[in-house]
Protein backbone atom coordinates (compact mmCIF):
# COMPACT_ATOMS: atom_id res chain seq x y z
CA MET A 1 105.79 98.77 127.55
CA LEU A 2 106.60 96.83 124.95
CA GLU A 3 104.03 94.40 125.42
CA ALA A 4 101.19 97.10 125.64
CA ARG A 5 102.20 98.09 122.31
CA LYS A 6 102.35 94.75 120.92
CA LEU A 7 98.65 94.45 122.15
CA SER A 8 97.83 97.97 120.99
CA ALA A 9 98.78 96.47 117.79
CA GLN A 10 96.67 93.61 117.75
CA VAL A 11 94.19 95.54 118.67
CA LYS A 12 94.08 97.69 115.69
CA GLN A 13 95.01 95.07 113.21
CA ASP A 14 91.98 93.15 115.00
CA GLN A 15 89.44 95.89 114.28
CA ALA A 16 90.73 96.42 110.71
CA GLY A 17 89.63 92.92 110.07
CA LYS A 18 86.32 93.16 112.68
CA LEU A 19 85.53 95.58 109.65
CA TRP A 20 86.62 93.47 106.88
CA SER A 21 84.45 90.03 108.46
CA TRP A 22 81.28 92.56 108.55
CA LEU A 23 81.53 94.10 105.20
CA SER A 24 81.94 90.32 103.85
CA VAL A 25 79.15 89.50 105.75
CA LEU A 26 77.13 92.36 104.06
CA VAL A 27 78.04 91.65 100.24
CA PHE A 28 77.01 87.53 101.09
CA LEU A 29 73.69 88.63 102.50
CA ALA A 30 73.35 91.21 99.72
CA THR A 31 74.27 88.22 96.84
CA MET A 32 72.14 85.87 98.76
CA ALA A 33 68.95 88.59 98.38
CA VAL A 34 69.78 89.28 94.79
CA VAL A 35 69.99 85.43 94.07
CA ALA A 36 66.75 84.62 95.78
CA SER A 37 64.40 87.89 94.14
CA VAL A 38 65.55 86.64 90.20
CA TRP A 39 65.05 82.54 91.64
CA ILE A 40 61.43 83.96 92.69
CA GLY A 41 60.77 85.80 89.83
CA LEU A 42 61.95 82.89 87.29
CA ASN A 43 59.78 80.54 88.96
CA PHE A 44 56.48 82.19 90.14
CA GLN A 45 54.52 84.05 87.43
CA ALA A 46 52.29 87.37 87.60
CA PRO A 47 48.65 86.43 87.86
CA PRO A 48 46.77 87.10 84.67
CA PRO A 49 45.40 90.39 84.20
CA ASP A 50 42.18 91.52 86.01
CA LYS A 51 38.85 92.26 83.71
CA SER A 52 37.06 94.21 86.04
CA GLN A 53 38.78 97.24 84.56
CA GLU A 54 37.35 96.48 81.09
CA LYS A 55 33.88 95.54 82.51
CA MET A 56 33.93 98.67 84.85
CA THR A 57 34.36 100.99 81.43
CA LEU A 58 31.42 99.19 79.93
CA ALA A 59 29.06 100.01 82.32
CA HIS A 60 30.01 102.84 82.12
CA ALA A 61 29.88 103.70 78.87
CA GLN A 62 26.25 102.14 78.96
CA ALA A 63 25.59 104.46 81.73
CA LEU A 64 26.75 107.60 79.61
CA SER A 65 24.39 106.98 76.69
CA THR A 66 21.52 106.21 78.89
CA VAL A 67 22.38 109.30 80.79
CA SER A 68 22.70 110.75 77.33
CA ASN A 69 19.25 109.44 76.23
CA LEU A 70 17.74 110.40 79.33
CA ASN A 71 18.65 114.24 79.20
CA GLY A 72 17.83 114.17 75.58
CA MET A 73 13.74 113.03 76.19
CA LEU A 74 13.74 114.86 79.68
CA ALA A 75 13.82 119.30 78.65
CA PRO A 76 13.11 121.48 81.53
CA ASP A 77 9.64 122.21 80.09
CA GLN A 78 8.84 118.69 79.59
CA GLU A 79 5.12 117.73 79.50
CA LEU A 80 3.99 114.39 81.31
CA THR A 81 3.05 112.19 78.49
CA PRO A 82 1.61 108.85 77.90
CA GLU A 83 4.52 108.73 74.79
CA LEU A 84 7.09 109.85 77.51
CA ILE A 85 5.85 107.51 80.75
CA GLN A 86 6.53 104.22 77.69
CA GLN A 87 9.82 105.91 77.06
CA LEU A 88 10.81 106.13 80.40
CA ALA A 89 9.50 102.41 81.14
CA ALA A 90 11.74 100.91 77.98
CA PHE A 91 14.61 102.48 80.18
CA SER A 92 14.24 101.55 83.21
CA SER A 93 13.51 98.09 81.99
CA HIS A 94 17.05 97.94 80.14
């Protein structure tokens, strides 16, 4: 009976040791992940900013100005005249 109690006590102590072992491994892995993250952040720089958004904004502003000019020229009761056709040709050349 005494032998069983000793074995039971050893198993219980071993379980507590297992828990601390797993906990220390998890803390070590978390520490290594933080160190790796800091190292990557310091050694690799962000790419330069992309200029495509500025180009799209500029093209959109130009398209809006062209559309507003066309809306001013083309009224619902507009008649086709040679002057209007020349103005439209000037817009299409832009």
